[in-house]
Amino acid sequence: MRFDAVKLAIAATVTVFVCYGLCTLAMFMYPEYTLKMTGSLLFIPKIEELISHWDITWFNVMSGSIQMIVWTFLFTFVFAWMYNWMLGTEKGKK
């Protein structure tokens, strides 16, 4: 089974963008809870001390979402292309 690299990359990008948006919304609505959850996910028990110096602005949120869109699309596209290429080399061996 071959992947359509562009369609797969678009699907992955939309999925990551929706998840990023939901996480951003949760961060704005429940900052203390999401910070504690982030700390437990990253194995940092006192994440509040590290984050006290961070400034979360709309520019940072938009910059992060644009970076997530670009990198997700690129990595997924390269993954699908390499997968399809490897399938092609397997067919050549038979």
PDB file of N, CA and C in Angstrom:
ATOM      1  N   MET A   1       0.846  -1.176   0.000  1.00  0.00           N
ATOM      2  CA  MET A   1       0.000   0.000   0.000  1.00  0.00           C
ATOM      3  C   MET A   1       0.891   1.240   0.000  1.00  0.00           C
ATOM      4  N   ARG A   2       0.648   2.098  -0.950  1.00  0.00           N
ATOM      5  CA  ARG A   2       1.429   3.326  -1.067  1.00  0.00           C
ATOM      6  C   ARG A   2       0.646   4.480  -0.445  1.00  0.00           C
ATOM      7  N   PHE A   3       1.373   5.455   0.078  1.00  0.00           N
ATOM      8  CA  PHE A   3       0.768   6.662   0.646  1.00  0.00           C
ATOM      9  C   PHE A   3       0.777   7.778  -0.384  1.00  0.00           C
ATOM     10  N   ASP A   4      -0.281   8.565  -0.397  1.00  0.00           N
ATOM     11  CA  ASP A   4      -0.252   9.842  -1.113  1.00  0.00           C
ATOM     12  C   ASP A   4       0.383  10.823  -0.137  1.00  0.00           C
ATOM     13  N   ALA A   5       1.624  11.196  -0.397  1.00  0.00           N
ATOM     14  CA  ALA A   5       2.420  11.958   0.568  1.00  0.00           C
ATOM     15  C   ALA A   5       1.776  13.286   0.930  1.00  0.00           C
ATOM     16  N   VAL A   6       1.221  13.987  -0.045  1.00  0.00           N
ATOM     17  CA  VAL A   6       0.629  15.302   0.228  1.00  0.00           C
ATOM     18  C   VAL A   6      -0.638  15.155   1.067  1.00  0.00           C
ATOM     19  N   LYS A   7      -1.493  14.198   0.719  1.00  0.00           N
ATOM     20  CA  LYS A   7      -2.734  14.015   1.490  1.00  0.00           C
ATOM     21  C   LYS A   7      -2.448  13.580   2.922  1.00  0.00           C
ATOM     22  N   LEU A   8      -1.482  12.681   3.083  1.00  0.00           N
ATOM     23  CA  LEU A   8      -1.117  12.251   4.432  1.00  0.00           C
ATOM     24  C   LEU A   8      -0.542  13.408   5.237  1.00  0.00           C
ATOM     25  N   ALA A   9       0.311  14.213   4.606  1.00  0.00           N
ATOM     26  CA  ALA A   9       0.908  15.356   5.297  1.00  0.00           C
ATOM     27  C   ALA A   9      -0.158  16.376   5.687  1.00  0.00           C
ATOM     28  N   ILE A  10      -1.126  16.617   4.810  1.00  0.00           N
ATOM     29  CA  ILE A  10      -2.204  17.559   5.132  1.00  0.00           C
ATOM     30  C   ILE A  10      -3.053  17.020   6.278  1.00  0.00           C
ATOM     31  N   ALA A  11      -3.394  15.739   6.249  1.00  0.00           N
ATOM     32  CA  ALA A  11      -4.197  15.146   7.321  1.00  0.00           C
ATOM     33  C   ALA A  11      -3.479  15.225   8.663  1.00  0.00           C
ATOM     34  N   ALA A  12      -2.193  14.921   8.674  1.00  0.00           N
ATOM     35  CA  ALA A  12      -1.422  14.998   9.915  1.00  0.00           C
ATOM     36  C   ALA A  12      -1.316  16.433  10.407  1.00  0.00           C
ATOM     37  N   THR A  13      -1.124  17.366   9.483  1.00  0.00           N
ATOM     38  CA  THR A  13      -0.997  18.776   9.851  1.00  0.00           C
ATOM     39  C   THR A  13      -2.283  19.299  10.455  1.00  0.00           C
ATOM     40  N   VAL A  14      -3.414  18.971   9.859  1.00  0.00           N
ATOM     41  CA  VAL A  14      -4.710  19.417  10.408  1.00  0.00           C
ATOM     42  C   VAL A  14      -4.931  18.815  11.788  1.00  0.00           C
ATOM     43  N   THR A  15      -4.590  17.549  11.952  1.00  0.00           N
ATOM     44  CA  THR A  15      -4.759  16.892  13.255  1.00  0.00           C
ATOM     45  C   THR A  15      -3.906  17.557  14.326  1.00  0.00           C
ATOM     46  N   VAL A  16      -2.639  17.815  14.020  1.00  0.00           N
ATOM     47  CA  VAL A  16      -1.744  18.460  14.982  1.00  0.00           C
ATOM     48  C   VAL A  16      -2.207  19.880  15.275  1.00  0.00           C
ATOM     49  N   PHE A  17      -2.671  20.601  14.255  1.00  0.00           N
ATOM     50  CA  PHE A  17      -3.137  21.974  14.463  1.00  0.00           C
ATOM     51  C   PHE A  17      -4.356  22.009  15.384  1.00  0.00           C
ATOM     52  N   VAL A  18      -5.286  21.079  15.207  1.00  0.00           N
ATOM     53  CA  VAL A  18      -6.472  21.023  16.081  1.00  0.00           C
ATOM     54  C   VAL A  18      -6.050  20.696  17.514  1.00  0.00           C
ATOM     55  N   CYS A  19      -5.160  19.727  17.675  1.00  0.00           N
ATOM     56  CA  CYS A  19      -4.686  19.377  19.022  1.00  0.00           C
ATOM     57  C   CYS A  19      -3.941  20.541  19.666  1.00  0.00           C
ATOM     58  N   TYR A  20      -3.116  21.230  18.896  1.00  0.00           N
ATOM     59  CA  TYR A  20      -2.393  22.398  19.412  1.00  0.00           C
ATOM     60  C   TYR A  20      -3.375  23.486  19.835  1.00  0.00           C
ATOM     61  N   GLY A  21      -4.396  23.698  19.033  1.00  0.00           N
ATOM     62  CA  GLY A  21      -5.416  24.688  19.382  1.00  0.00           C
ATOM     63  C   GLY A  21      -6.155  24.337  20.661  1.00  0.00           C
ATOM     64  N   LEU A  22      -6.499  23.064  20.823  1.00  0.00           N
ATOM     65  CA  LEU A  22      -7.182  22.640  22.045  1.00  0.00           C
ATOM     66  C   LEU A  22      -6.281  22.773  23.266  1.00  0.00           C
ATOM     67  N   CYS A  23      -5.018  22.442  23.103  1.00  0.00           N
ATOM     68  CA  CYS A  23      -4.074  22.602  24.220  1.00  0.00           C
ATOM     69  C   CYS A  23      -3.876  24.071  24.569  1.00  0.00           C
ATOM     70  N   THR A  24      -3.822  24.928  23.562  1.00  0.00           N
ATOM     71  CA  THR A  24      -3.680  26.363  23.805  1.00  0.00           C
ATOM     72  C   THR A  24      -4.905  26.905  24.525  1.00  0.00           C
ATOM     73  N   LEU A  25      -6.069  26.475  24.099  1.00  0.00           N
ATOM     74  CA  LEU A  25      -7.308  26.899  24.757  1.00  0.00           C
ATOM     75  C   LEU A  25      -7.331  26.444  26.216  1.00  0.00           C
ATOM     76  N   ALA A  26      -6.918  25.209  26.454  1.00  0.00           N
ATOM     77  CA  ALA A  26      -6.864  24.712  27.831  1.00  0.00           C
ATOM     78  C   ALA A  26      -5.864  25.511  28.659  1.00  0.00           C
ATOM     79  N   MET A  27      -4.752  25.895  28.045  1.00  0.00           N
ATOM     80  CA  MET A  27      -3.732  26.670  28.761  1.00  0.00           C
ATOM     81  C   MET A  27      -4.263  28.028  29.173  1.00  0.00           C
ATOM     82  N   PHE A  28      -5.045  28.658  28.310  1.00  0.00           N
ATOM     83  CA  PHE A  28      -5.604  29.968  28.652  1.00  0.00           C
ATOM     84  C   PHE A  28      -6.743  29.853  29.659  1.00  0.00           C
ATOM     85  N   MET A  29      -7.510  28.771  29.591  1.00  0.00           N
ATOM     86  CA  MET A  29      -8.649  28.623  30.491  1.00  0.00           C
ATOM     87  C   MET A  29      -8.248  28.108  31.875  1.00  0.00           C
ATOM     88  N   TYR A  30      -7.330  27.149  31.913  1.00  0.00           N
ATOM     89  CA  TYR A  30      -6.919  26.507  33.162  1.00  0.00           C
ATOM     90  C   TYR A  30      -5.398  26.465  33.266  1.00  0.00           C
ATOM     91  N   PRO A  31      -4.741  27.614  33.444  1.00  0.00           N
ATOM     92  CA  PRO A  31      -3.267  27.625  33.397  1.00  0.00           C
ATOM     93  C   PRO A  31      -2.598  26.795  34.493  1.00  0.00           C
ATOM     94  N   GLU A  32      -3.110  26.825  35.704  1.00  0.00           N
ATOM     95  CA  GLU A  32      -2.454  26.085  36.786  1.00  0.00           C
ATOM     96  C   GLU A  32      -2.530  24.579  36.548  1.00  0.00           C
ATOM     97  N   TYR A  33      -3.711  24.100  36.169  1.00  0.00           N
ATOM     98  CA  TYR A  33      -3.883  22.665  35.935  1.00  0.00           C
ATOM     99  C   TYR A  33      -3.021  22.198  34.764  1.00  0.00           C
ATOM    100  N   THR A  34      -3.018  22.956  33.676  1.00  0.00           N
ATOM    101  CA  THR A  34      -2.240  22.524  32.506  1.00  0.00           C
ATOM    102  C   THR A  34      -0.736  22.588  32.783  1.00  0.00           C
ATOM    103  N   LEU A  35      -0.291  23.538  33.606  1.00  0.00           N
ATOM    104  CA  LEU A  35       1.119  23.566  33.975  1.00  0.00           C
ATOM    105  C   LEU A  35       1.502  22.337  34.798  1.00  0.00           C
ATOM    106  N   LYS A  36       0.648  21.950  35.730  1.00  0.00           N
ATOM    107  CA  LYS A  36       0.921  20.751  36.531  1.00  0.00           C
ATOM    108  C   LYS A  36       0.927  19.508  35.648  1.00  0.00           C
ATOM    109  N   MET A  37      -0.009  19.441  34.703  1.00  0.00           N
ATOM    110  CA  MET A  37      -0.074  18.305  33.803  1.00  0.00           C
ATOM    111  C   MET A  37       1.174  18.259  32.905  1.00  0.00           C
ATOM    112  N   THR A  38       1.591  19.417  32.414  1.00  0.00           N
ATOM    113  CA  THR A  38       2.796  19.483  31.586  1.00  0.00           C
ATOM    114  C   THR A  38       4.021  19.053  32.380  1.00  0.00           C
ATOM    115  N   GLY A  39       4.104  19.503  33.621  1.00  0.00           N
ATOM    116  CA  GLY A  39       5.219  19.113  34.472  1.00  0.00           C
ATOM    117  C   GLY A  39       5.275  17.615  34.696  1.00  0.00           C
ATOM    118  N   SER A  40       4.120  16.987  34.890  1.00  0.00           N
ATOM    119  CA  SER A  40       4.120  15.538  35.094  1.00  0.00           C
ATOM    120  C   SER A  40       4.450  14.797  33.801  1.00  0.00           C
ATOM    121  N   LEU A  41       4.030  15.320  32.658  1.00  0.00           N
ATOM    122  CA  LEU A  41       4.363  14.683  31.379  1.00  0.00           C
ATOM    123  C   LEU A  41       5.856  14.766  31.070  1.00  0.00           C
ATOM    124  N   LEU A  42       6.481  15.867  31.476  1.00  0.00           N
ATOM    125  CA  LEU A  42       7.898  16.079  31.200  1.00  0.00           C
ATOM    126  C   LEU A  42       8.802  15.675  32.359  1.00  0.00           C
ATOM    127  N   PHE A  43       8.233  15.071  33.416  1.00  0.00           N
ATOM    128  CA  PHE A  43       8.972  14.640  34.597  1.00  0.00           C
ATOM    129  C   PHE A  43       9.686  15.804  35.277  1.00  0.00           C
ATOM    130  N   ILE A  44       9.019  16.949  35.339  1.00  0.00           N
ATOM    131  CA  ILE A  44       9.549  18.129  36.024  1.00  0.00           C
ATOM    132  C   ILE A  44       8.559  18.468  37.138  1.00  0.00           C
ATOM    133  N   PRO A  45       8.849  18.061  38.382  1.00  0.00           N
ATOM    134  CA  PRO A  45       7.868  18.243  39.453  1.00  0.00           C
ATOM    135  C   PRO A  45       7.567  19.705  39.796  1.00  0.00           C
ATOM    136  N   LYS A  46       8.540  20.588  39.663  1.00  0.00           N
ATOM    137  CA  LYS A  46       8.320  21.999  40.012  1.00  0.00           C
ATOM    138  C   LYS A  46       8.460  22.867  38.764  1.00  0.00           C
ATOM    139  N   ILE A  47       7.596  22.626  37.800  1.00  0.00           N
ATOM    140  CA  ILE A  47       7.684  23.350  36.524  1.00  0.00           C
ATOM    141  C   ILE A  47       7.313  24.822  36.685  1.00  0.00           C
ATOM    142  N   GLU A  48       6.547  25.144  37.731  1.00  0.00           N
ATOM    143  CA  GLU A  48       6.142  26.537  37.949  1.00  0.00           C
ATOM    144  C   GLU A  48       7.348  27.455  38.113  1.00  0.00           C
ATOM    145  N   GLU A  49       8.418  26.935  38.747  1.00  0.00           N
ATOM    146  CA  GLU A  49       9.626  27.740  38.933  1.00  0.00           C
ATOM    147  C   GLU A  49      10.301  28.051  37.598  1.00  0.00           C
ATOM    148  N   LEU A  50      10.277  27.110  36.677  1.00  0.00           N
ATOM    149  CA  LEU A  50      10.890  27.331  35.365  1.00  0.00           C
ATOM    150  C   LEU A  50      10.036  28.247  34.491  1.00  0.00           C
ATOM    151  N   ILE A  51       8.733  28.109  34.595  1.00  0.00           N
ATOM    152  CA  ILE A  51       7.832  28.837  33.701  1.00  0.00           C
ATOM    153  C   ILE A  51       7.559  30.258  34.188  1.00  0.00           C
ATOM    154  N   SER A  52       7.938  30.583  35.387  1.00  0.00           N
ATOM    155  CA  SER A  52       7.651  31.927  35.899  1.00  0.00           C
ATOM    156  C   SER A  52       8.303  33.015  35.049  1.00  0.00           C
ATOM    157  N   HIS A  53       9.334  32.664  34.295  1.00  0.00           N
ATOM    158  CA  HIS A  53      10.033  33.639  33.456  1.00  0.00           C
ATOM    159  C   HIS A  53       9.504  33.677  32.030  1.00  0.00           C
ATOM    160  N   TRP A  54       8.625  32.769  31.689  1.00  0.00           N
ATOM    161  CA  TRP A  54       8.095  32.715  30.327  1.00  0.00           C
ATOM    162  C   TRP A  54       6.985  33.724  30.155  1.00  0.00           C
ATOM    163  N   ASP A  55       6.920  34.315  28.995  1.00  0.00           N
ATOM    164  CA  ASP A  55       5.855  35.271  28.671  1.00  0.00           C
ATOM    165  C   ASP A  55       5.033  34.698  27.514  1.00  0.00           C
ATOM    166  N   ILE A  56       3.821  34.254  27.820  1.00  0.00           N
ATOM    167  CA  ILE A  56       2.964  33.668  26.794  1.00  0.00           C
ATOM    168  C   ILE A  56       2.100  34.778  26.210  1.00  0.00           C
ATOM    169  N   THR A  57       2.350  35.084  24.947  1.00  0.00           N
ATOM    170  CA  THR A  57       1.593  36.119  24.251  1.00  0.00           C
ATOM    171  C   THR A  57       0.928  35.506  23.023  1.00  0.00           C
ATOM    172  N   TRP A  58       0.021  36.283  22.421  1.00  0.00           N
ATOM    173  CA  TRP A  58      -0.631  35.799  21.202  1.00  0.00           C
ATOM    174  C   TRP A  58       0.382  35.611  20.081  1.00  0.00           C
ATOM    175  N   PHE A  59       1.403  36.450  20.037  1.00  0.00           N
ATOM    176  CA  PHE A  59       2.448  36.284  19.027  1.00  0.00           C
ATOM    177  C   PHE A  59       3.152  34.941  19.204  1.00  0.00           C
ATOM    178  N   ASN A  60       3.471  34.580  20.451  1.00  0.00           N
ATOM    179  CA  ASN A  60       4.125  33.294  20.714  1.00  0.00           C
ATOM    180  C   ASN A  60       3.226  32.125  20.335  1.00  0.00           C
ATOM    181  N   VAL A  61       1.941  32.257  20.628  1.00  0.00           N
ATOM    182  CA  VAL A  61       0.990  31.194  20.289  1.00  0.00           C
ATOM    183  C   VAL A  61       0.912  31.024  18.768  1.00  0.00           C
ATOM    184  N   MET A  62       0.799  32.131  18.047  1.00  0.00           N
ATOM    185  CA  MET A  62       0.705  32.058  16.587  1.00  0.00           C
ATOM    186  C   MET A  62       2.019  31.559  15.986  1.00  0.00           C
ATOM    187  N   SER A  63       3.136  32.007  16.519  1.00  0.00           N
ATOM    188  CA  SER A  63       4.434  31.544  16.038  1.00  0.00           C
ATOM    189  C   SER A  63       4.580  30.039  16.248  1.00  0.00           C
ATOM    190  N   GLY A  64       4.176  29.571  17.405  1.00  0.00           N
ATOM    191  CA  GLY A  64       4.237  28.134  17.681  1.00  0.00           C
ATOM    192  C   GLY A  64       3.332  27.331  16.775  1.00  0.00           C
ATOM    193  N   SER A  65       2.133  27.858  16.496  1.00  0.00           N
ATOM    194  CA  SER A  65       1.222  27.117  15.624  1.00  0.00           C
ATOM    195  C   SER A  65       1.743  27.070  14.187  1.00  0.00           C
ATOM    196  N   ILE A  66       2.339  28.149  13.728  1.00  0.00           N
ATOM    197  CA  ILE A  66       2.907  28.152  12.374  1.00  0.00           C
ATOM    198  C   ILE A  66       4.071  27.162  12.290  1.00  0.00           C
ATOM    199  N   GLN A  67       4.903  27.143  13.316  1.00  0.00           N
ATOM    200  CA  GLN A  67       6.011  26.184  13.330  1.00  0.00           C
ATOM    201  C   GLN A  67       5.499  24.751  13.353  1.00  0.00           C
ATOM    202  N   MET A  68       4.466  24.494  14.140  1.00  0.00           N
ATOM    203  CA  MET A  68       3.890  23.148  14.195  1.00  0.00           C
ATOM    204  C   MET A  68       3.338  22.737  12.836  1.00  0.00           C
ATOM    205  N   ILE A  69       2.670  23.664  12.150  1.00  0.00           N
ATOM    206  CA  ILE A  69       2.116  23.366  10.831  1.00  0.00           C
ATOM    207  C   ILE A  69       3.231  23.018   9.846  1.00  0.00           C
ATOM    208  N   VAL A  70       4.250  23.850   9.783  1.00  0.00           N
ATOM    209  CA  VAL A  70       5.334  23.650   8.811  1.00  0.00           C
ATOM    210  C   VAL A  70       6.089  22.359   9.095  1.00  0.00           C
ATOM    211  N   TRP A  71       6.513  22.157  10.336  1.00  0.00           N
ATOM    212  CA  TRP A  71       7.316  20.977  10.655  1.00  0.00           C
ATOM    213  C   TRP A  71       6.515  19.691  10.525  1.00  0.00           C
ATOM    214  N   THR A  72       5.258  19.711  10.947  1.00  0.00           N
ATOM    215  CA  THR A  72       4.438  18.507  10.809  1.00  0.00           C
ATOM    216  C   THR A  72       4.261  18.139   9.348  1.00  0.00           C
ATOM    217  N   PHE A  73       3.968  19.123   8.502  1.00  0.00           N
ATOM    218  CA  PHE A  73       3.804  18.854   7.081  1.00  0.00           C
ATOM    219  C   PHE A  73       5.097  18.287   6.494  1.00  0.00           C
ATOM    220  N   LEU A  74       6.231  18.925   6.787  1.00  0.00           N
ATOM    221  CA  LEU A  74       7.502  18.477   6.213  1.00  0.00           C
ATOM    222  C   LEU A  74       7.883  17.072   6.670  1.00  0.00           C
ATOM    223  N   PHE A  75       7.808  16.817   7.970  1.00  0.00           N
ATOM    224  CA  PHE A  75       8.197  15.505   8.476  1.00  0.00           C
ATOM    225  C   PHE A  75       7.270  14.406   7.960  1.00  0.00           C
ATOM    226  N   THR A  76       5.974  14.672   7.917  1.00  0.00           N
ATOM    227  CA  THR A  76       5.040  13.658   7.434  1.00  0.00           C
ATOM    228  C   THR A  76       5.225  13.412   5.948  1.00  0.00           C
ATOM    229  N   PHE A  77       5.458  14.466   5.184  1.00  0.00           N
ATOM    230  CA  PHE A  77       5.693  14.312   3.752  1.00  0.00           C
ATOM    231  C   PHE A  77       6.947  13.480   3.500  1.00  0.00           C
ATOM    232  N   VAL A  78       8.027  13.786   4.214  1.00  0.00           N
ATOM    233  CA  VAL A  78       9.276  13.039   4.045  1.00  0.00           C
ATOM    234  C   VAL A  78       9.083  11.589   4.478  1.00  0.00           C
ATOM    235  N   PHE A  79       8.354  11.366   5.574  1.00  0.00           N
ATOM    236  CA  PHE A  79       8.071  10.005   6.022  1.00  0.00           C
ATOM    237  C   PHE A  79       7.329   9.221   4.938  1.00  0.00           C
ATOM    238  N   ALA A  80       6.278   9.796   4.366  1.00  0.00           N
ATOM    239  CA  ALA A  80       5.494   9.110   3.332  1.00  0.00           C
ATOM    240  C   ALA A  80       6.327   8.877   2.077  1.00  0.00           C
ATOM    241  N   TRP A  81       7.136   9.862   1.707  1.00  0.00           N
ATOM    242  CA  TRP A  81       7.975   9.704   0.519  1.00  0.00           C
ATOM    243  C   TRP A  81       8.980   8.573   0.718  1.00  0.00           C
ATOM    244  N   MET A  82       9.611   8.551   1.897  1.00  0.00           N
ATOM    245  CA  MET A  82      10.586   7.494   2.168  1.00  0.00           C
ATOM    246  C   MET A  82       9.918   6.122   2.214  1.00  0.00           C
ATOM    247  N   TYR A  83       8.739   6.057   2.796  1.00  0.00           N
ATOM    248  CA  TYR A  83       7.998   4.795   2.852  1.00  0.00           C
ATOM    249  C   TYR A  83       7.686   4.304   1.439  1.00  0.00           C
ATOM    250  N   ASN A  84       7.180   5.200   0.604  1.00  0.00           N
ATOM    251  CA  ASN A  84       6.880   4.828  -0.781  1.00  0.00           C
ATOM    252  C   ASN A  84       8.144   4.427  -1.531  1.00  0.00           C
ATOM    253  N   TRP A  85       9.236   5.121  -1.299  1.00  0.00           N
ATOM    254  CA  TRP A  85      10.508   4.797  -1.943  1.00  0.00           C
ATOM    255  C   TRP A  85      10.981   3.406  -1.525  1.00  0.00           C
ATOM    256  N   MET A  86      10.838   3.119  -0.225  1.00  0.00           N
ATOM    257  CA  MET A  86      11.258   1.812   0.263  1.00  0.00           C
ATOM    258  C   MET A  86      10.373   0.707  -0.301  1.00  0.00           C
ATOM    259  N   LEU A  87       9.100   0.964  -0.495  1.00  0.00           N
ATOM    260  CA  LEU A  87       8.240  -0.015  -1.147  1.00  0.00           C
ATOM    261  C   LEU A  87       8.695  -0.279  -2.568  1.00  0.00           C
ATOM    262  N   GLY A  88       9.096   0.786  -3.246  1.00  0.00           N
ATOM    263  CA  GLY A  88       9.568   0.645  -4.616  1.00  0.00           C
ATOM    264  C   GLY A  88      10.834  -0.184  -4.704  1.00  0.00           C
ATOM    265  N   THR A  89      11.738  -0.018  -3.733  1.00  0.00           N
ATOM    266  CA  THR A  89      12.978  -0.791  -3.756  1.00  0.00           C
ATOM    267  C   THR A  89      12.705  -2.255  -3.417  1.00  0.00           C
ATOM    268  N   GLU A  90      11.693  -2.532  -2.595  1.00  0.00           N
ATOM    269  CA  GLU A  90      11.330  -3.908  -2.294  1.00  0.00           C
ATOM    270  C   GLU A  90      10.780  -4.604  -3.541  1.00  0.00           C
ATOM    271  N   LYS A  91       9.980  -3.884  -4.332  1.00  0.00           N
ATOM    272  CA  LYS A  91       9.434  -4.480  -5.554  1.00  0.00           C
ATOM    273  C   LYS A  91      10.546  -4.781  -6.552  1.00  0.00           C
ATOM    274  N   GLY A  92      11.583  -3.934  -6.565  1.00  0.00           N
ATOM    275  CA  GLY A  92      12.690  -4.163  -7.475  1.00  0.00           C
ATOM    276  C   GLY A  92      13.497  -5.404  -7.149  1.00  0.00           C
ATOM    277  N   LYS A  93      13.489  -5.831  -5.885  1.00  0.00           N
ATOM    278  CA  LYS A  93      14.253  -7.009  -5.473  1.00  0.00           C
ATOM    279  C   LYS A  93      13.580  -8.307  -5.879  1.00  0.00           C
ATOM    280  N   LYS A  94      12.277  -8.287  -6.028  1.00  0.00           N
ATOM    281  CA  LYS A  94      11.540  -9.536  -6.315  1.00  0.00           C
ATOM    282  C   LYS A  94      11.678  -9.974  -7.732  1.00  0.00           C
TER     283      LYS A  94
END
